[in-house]
N, C-alpha and C. Protein backbone atom coordinates (compact mmCIF):
# COMPACT_ATOMS: atom_id res chain seq x y z
N UNK A 1 0.80 -1.09 0.17
CA UNK A 1 0.06 0.05 0.05
C UNK A 1 0.89 1.17 -0.06
N UNK A 2 0.54 2.12 -0.74
CA UNK A 2 1.29 3.38 -1.06
C UNK A 2 0.95 4.46 0.20
N UNK A 3 1.83 5.09 0.81
CA UNK A 3 1.66 6.07 1.86
C UNK A 3 1.01 7.41 1.25
N UNK A 4 0.10 8.03 2.02
CA UNK A 4 -0.48 9.04 1.39
C UNK A 4 0.62 10.27 1.62
N UNK A 5 0.39 11.21 0.77
CA UNK A 5 1.47 12.38 0.80
C UNK A 5 0.55 13.60 1.13
N UNK A 6 0.82 14.16 2.11
CA UNK A 6 0.33 15.49 2.87
C UNK A 6 1.37 16.53 2.48
N UNK A 7 0.97 17.51 1.92
CA UNK A 7 1.80 18.69 1.64
C UNK A 7 1.30 19.96 2.26
N UNK A 8 2.03 20.71 3.03
CA UNK A 8 1.60 21.89 3.76
C UNK A 8 2.32 23.02 2.87
N UNK A 9 1.38 23.76 2.36
CA UNK A 9 2.21 25.22 1.82
C UNK A 9 2.16 26.35 3.04
N UNK A 10 3.25 26.77 3.11
CA UNK A 10 3.55 27.97 4.05
C UNK A 10 4.30 29.10 3.52
N UNK A 11 4.53 29.83 4.44
CA UNK A 11 5.52 30.99 4.26
C UNK A 11 6.03 31.43 5.63
N UNK A 12 7.36 31.97 5.44
CA UNK A 12 8.10 32.20 6.44
C UNK A 12 7.43 33.59 7.23
N UNK A 13 7.26 33.63 8.44
CA UNK A 13 6.63 34.55 9.47
C UNK A 13 5.20 34.36 9.58
N UNK A 14 4.84 33.23 9.19
CA UNK A 14 3.24 32.80 9.48
C UNK A 14 3.19 32.04 10.61
N UNK A 15 2.68 32.68 11.90
CA UNK A 15 2.62 31.70 13.01
C UNK A 15 1.41 30.66 12.94
N UNK A 16 0.39 30.95 12.16
CA UNK A 16 -0.63 29.80 11.93
C UNK A 16 -0.02 28.70 11.13
N UNK A 17 0.91 28.96 10.14
CA UNK A 17 1.61 27.92 9.43
C UNK A 17 2.56 26.98 10.50
N UNK A 18 3.05 27.73 11.48
CA UNK A 18 3.86 27.04 12.49
C UNK A 18 3.03 26.14 13.16
N UNK A 19 1.87 26.56 13.71
CA UNK A 19 0.99 25.62 14.48
C UNK A 19 0.08 24.54 13.42
N UNK A 20 0.00 24.70 12.27
CA UNK A 20 -0.56 23.65 11.47
C UNK A 20 0.39 22.66 11.20
N UNK A 21 1.77 23.18 11.03
CA UNK A 21 2.79 22.27 10.78
C UNK A 21 2.92 21.21 12.08
N UNK A 22 3.13 21.96 13.10
CA UNK A 22 3.12 21.12 14.44
C UNK A 22 2.07 19.89 14.46
N UNK A 23 0.90 20.34 14.34
CA UNK A 23 -0.46 19.55 14.50
C UNK A 23 -0.11 18.35 13.41
N UNK A 24 0.28 18.76 12.09
CA UNK A 24 0.35 17.59 11.09
C UNK A 24 1.46 16.75 11.40
N UNK A 25 2.66 17.39 11.94
CA UNK A 25 3.80 16.27 12.25
C UNK A 25 3.22 15.37 13.22
N UNK A 26 2.46 15.75 14.22
CA UNK A 26 2.02 14.76 15.22
C UNK A 26 0.86 13.76 14.52
N UNK A 27 0.15 14.19 13.73
CA UNK A 27 -0.78 13.42 12.91
C UNK A 27 0.00 12.45 11.98
N UNK A 28 1.01 12.88 11.49
CA UNK A 28 1.77 12.00 10.49
C UNK A 28 2.41 10.67 11.29
N UNK A 29 2.90 11.06 12.44
CA UNK A 29 3.30 9.87 13.40
C UNK A 29 2.13 8.89 13.56
N UNK A 30 1.19 9.44 14.05
CA UNK A 30 0.04 8.71 14.51
C UNK A 30 -0.69 8.04 13.14
N UNK A 31 -0.96 8.60 12.12
CA UNK A 31 -1.57 8.03 10.81
C UNK A 31 -1.06 7.61 9.78
N UNK A 32 0.40 7.61 9.79
CA UNK A 32 1.22 7.10 8.87
C UNK A 32 1.22 7.76 7.58
N UNK A 33 1.15 9.10 7.33
CA UNK A 33 1.25 9.61 6.11
C UNK A 33 2.77 10.42 6.06
N UNK A 34 3.24 10.68 4.72
CA UNK A 34 4.42 11.41 4.68
C UNK A 34 3.95 12.98 4.49
N UNK A 35 4.56 13.85 5.21
CA UNK A 35 4.53 15.22 5.26
C UNK A 35 5.43 15.91 4.73
N UNK A 36 5.27 16.81 3.61
CA UNK A 36 6.21 17.68 3.04
C UNK A 36 5.86 19.25 3.24
N UNK A 37 6.91 19.90 3.63
CA UNK A 37 6.44 21.36 3.93
C UNK A 37 7.17 22.18 2.83
N UNK A 38 6.21 23.15 2.31
CA UNK A 38 6.66 24.05 1.22
C UNK A 38 6.67 25.55 1.39
N UNK A 39 7.52 26.20 1.52
CA UNK A 39 7.37 27.87 1.51
C UNK A 39 7.19 28.21 0.14
N UNK A 40 6.02 28.73 -0.11
CA UNK A 40 5.66 29.13 -1.42
C UNK A 40 6.56 30.50 -1.81
N UNK A 41 7.12 31.23 -0.96
CA UNK A 41 7.89 32.17 -1.33
C UNK A 41 9.28 31.74 -1.78
N UNK A 42 9.71 30.82 -1.04
CA UNK A 42 11.13 30.19 -1.49
C UNK A 42 10.84 29.38 -2.82
N UNK A 43 9.77 28.69 -3.03
CA UNK A 43 9.57 28.04 -4.24
C UNK A 43 9.41 29.05 -5.53
N UNK A 44 8.79 29.99 -5.12
CA UNK A 44 8.71 30.98 -6.33
C UNK A 44 9.98 31.78 -6.46
N UNK A 45 11.04 31.84 -5.37
CA UNK A 45 12.36 32.33 -5.65
C UNK A 45 12.96 31.33 -6.48
N UNK A 46 12.73 30.14 -6.23
CA UNK A 46 13.58 28.89 -7.18
C UNK A 46 12.87 28.89 -8.59
N UNK A 47 11.84 29.55 -8.91
CA UNK A 47 11.36 29.39 -10.25
C UNK A 47 9.80 28.60 -10.21
N UNK A 48 9.49 27.98 -9.12
CA UNK A 48 8.02 27.50 -9.01
C UNK A 48 6.97 28.58 -8.75
N UNK A 49 6.56 29.37 -9.35
CA UNK A 49 5.62 30.30 -8.94
C UNK A 49 4.00 29.90 -8.73
N UNK A 50 3.79 28.93 -9.35
CA UNK A 50 2.44 28.30 -9.10
C UNK A 50 1.70 28.05 -7.88
N UNK A 51 2.43 27.56 -6.78
CA UNK A 51 1.76 27.36 -5.66
C UNK A 51 1.54 28.69 -4.80
N UNK A 52 2.53 29.80 -5.20
CA UNK A 52 2.15 30.99 -4.41
C UNK A 52 1.27 31.74 -5.28
N UNK A 53 1.09 31.62 -6.46
CA UNK A 53 0.01 32.23 -7.28
C UNK A 53 -1.15 31.90 -6.99
N UNK A 54 -1.48 30.42 -6.76
CA UNK A 54 -2.73 29.82 -6.63
C UNK A 54 -3.19 30.03 -5.19
N UNK A 55 -2.39 29.77 -4.25
CA UNK A 55 -2.72 29.71 -2.85
C UNK A 55 -2.11 30.75 -2.00
N UNK A 56 -1.41 31.61 -2.49
CA UNK A 56 -0.59 32.52 -1.66
C UNK A 56 -1.52 33.47 -0.61
N UNK A 57 -2.92 33.76 -0.77
CA UNK A 57 -3.58 34.50 0.08
C UNK A 57 -4.30 33.71 1.01
N UNK A 58 -4.07 32.35 1.04
CA UNK A 58 -4.93 31.50 1.88
C UNK A 58 -4.07 30.57 2.65
N UNK A 59 -2.74 30.82 2.89
CA UNK A 59 -1.89 30.13 3.83
C UNK A 59 -2.19 29.93 5.13
N UNK A 60 -1.94 29.05 5.90
CA UNK A 60 -1.49 27.52 5.27
C UNK A 60 -2.69 26.84 4.69
N UNK A 61 -2.07 25.96 3.62
CA UNK A 61 -2.93 25.21 2.71
C UNK A 61 -2.45 23.76 2.82
N UNK A 62 -3.33 22.76 3.27
CA UNK A 62 -3.20 21.52 3.19
C UNK A 62 -3.50 20.84 2.03
N UNK A 63 -2.49 20.03 1.22
CA UNK A 63 -2.89 19.35 0.12
C UNK A 63 -2.82 17.74 0.63
N UNK A 64 -3.68 16.83 0.47
CA UNK A 64 -3.42 15.50 0.37
C UNK A 64 -3.65 14.76 -1.13
N UNK A 65 -2.62 14.13 -1.11
CA UNK A 65 -2.31 13.41 -2.40
C UNK A 65 -2.21 14.20 -3.60
N UNK A 66 -1.94 15.62 -3.43
CA UNK A 66 -1.73 16.46 -4.55
C UNK A 66 -3.03 17.40 -4.62
N UNK A 67 -4.19 17.05 -3.82
CA UNK A 67 -5.45 18.02 -3.96
C UNK A 67 -5.62 18.74 -2.72
N UNK A 68 -6.27 19.97 -3.01
CA UNK A 68 -6.31 20.76 -1.64
C UNK A 68 -7.46 20.29 -0.62
N UNK A 69 -6.97 20.18 0.56
CA UNK A 69 -7.83 19.43 1.50
C UNK A 69 -8.17 20.39 2.48
N UNK A 70 -7.64 21.42 2.98
CA UNK A 70 -8.06 22.45 3.61
C UNK A 70 -7.44 23.68 3.80
N UNK A 71 -7.54 24.72 4.31
CA UNK A 71 -6.69 25.73 4.29
C UNK A 71 -7.17 26.71 5.67
N UNK A 72 -6.01 27.42 6.22
CA UNK A 72 -6.15 28.20 7.32
C UNK A 72 -5.95 27.30 8.70
N UNK A 73 -6.46 26.01 8.61
CA UNK A 73 -6.39 25.10 9.85
C UNK A 73 -6.42 23.62 9.26
N UNK A 74 -6.19 22.67 10.04
CA UNK A 74 -6.16 21.24 9.51
C UNK A 74 -7.67 20.95 10.02
N UNK A 75 -8.52 20.38 9.09
CA UNK A 75 -9.83 19.74 9.28
C UNK A 75 -9.40 18.55 9.57
N UNK A 76 -9.24 18.09 10.87
CA UNK A 76 -8.71 17.05 11.44
C UNK A 76 -9.78 15.76 11.38
N UNK A 77 -10.86 15.88 11.56
CA UNK A 77 -11.91 14.80 11.40
C UNK A 77 -12.09 14.54 10.02
N UNK A 78 -11.95 15.54 9.02
CA UNK A 78 -12.17 15.13 7.68
C UNK A 78 -10.82 14.26 7.10
N UNK A 79 -9.55 14.94 7.66
CA UNK A 79 -8.31 14.45 7.19
C UNK A 79 -8.31 12.77 7.76
N UNK A 80 -8.79 12.78 8.86
CA UNK A 80 -8.80 11.36 9.59
C UNK A 80 -9.77 10.39 8.51
N UNK A 81 -10.84 10.92 8.14
CA UNK A 81 -11.76 10.16 7.36
C UNK A 81 -11.27 9.85 6.04
N UNK A 82 -10.66 10.87 5.46
CA UNK A 82 -10.10 10.66 4.13
C UNK A 82 -8.89 9.75 3.89
N UNK A 83 -8.12 9.85 4.98
CA UNK A 83 -6.99 8.82 5.08
C UNK A 83 -7.48 7.40 5.52
N UNK A 84 -8.59 7.41 6.13
CA UNK A 84 -9.14 5.99 6.49
C UNK A 84 -9.80 5.41 5.32
N UNK A 85 -10.50 6.23 4.64
CA UNK A 85 -11.38 5.69 3.46
C UNK A 85 -10.66 5.26 2.22
N UNK A 86 -9.37 5.39 2.09
CA UNK A 86 -8.66 4.57 1.13
C UNK A 86 -7.37 4.00 1.36
């Protein structure tokens, strides 16, 4: 079985992003998904402007297996259900 991929889109200086990252890190250990954190401003500086252009005004954004799952907070009940459902 392939592990689910959760990507957290953040930016430096975002206190809510730090809280969401800590919450997701705990959930990753408990629920067994891979967590990847991407700073959209750093990515844009490296040439990948897509995430900042699409999500930059709603950070933090949680993507589950490449699809937007929630923003500004972790929808934990929904995330648990979605991870258990597949």
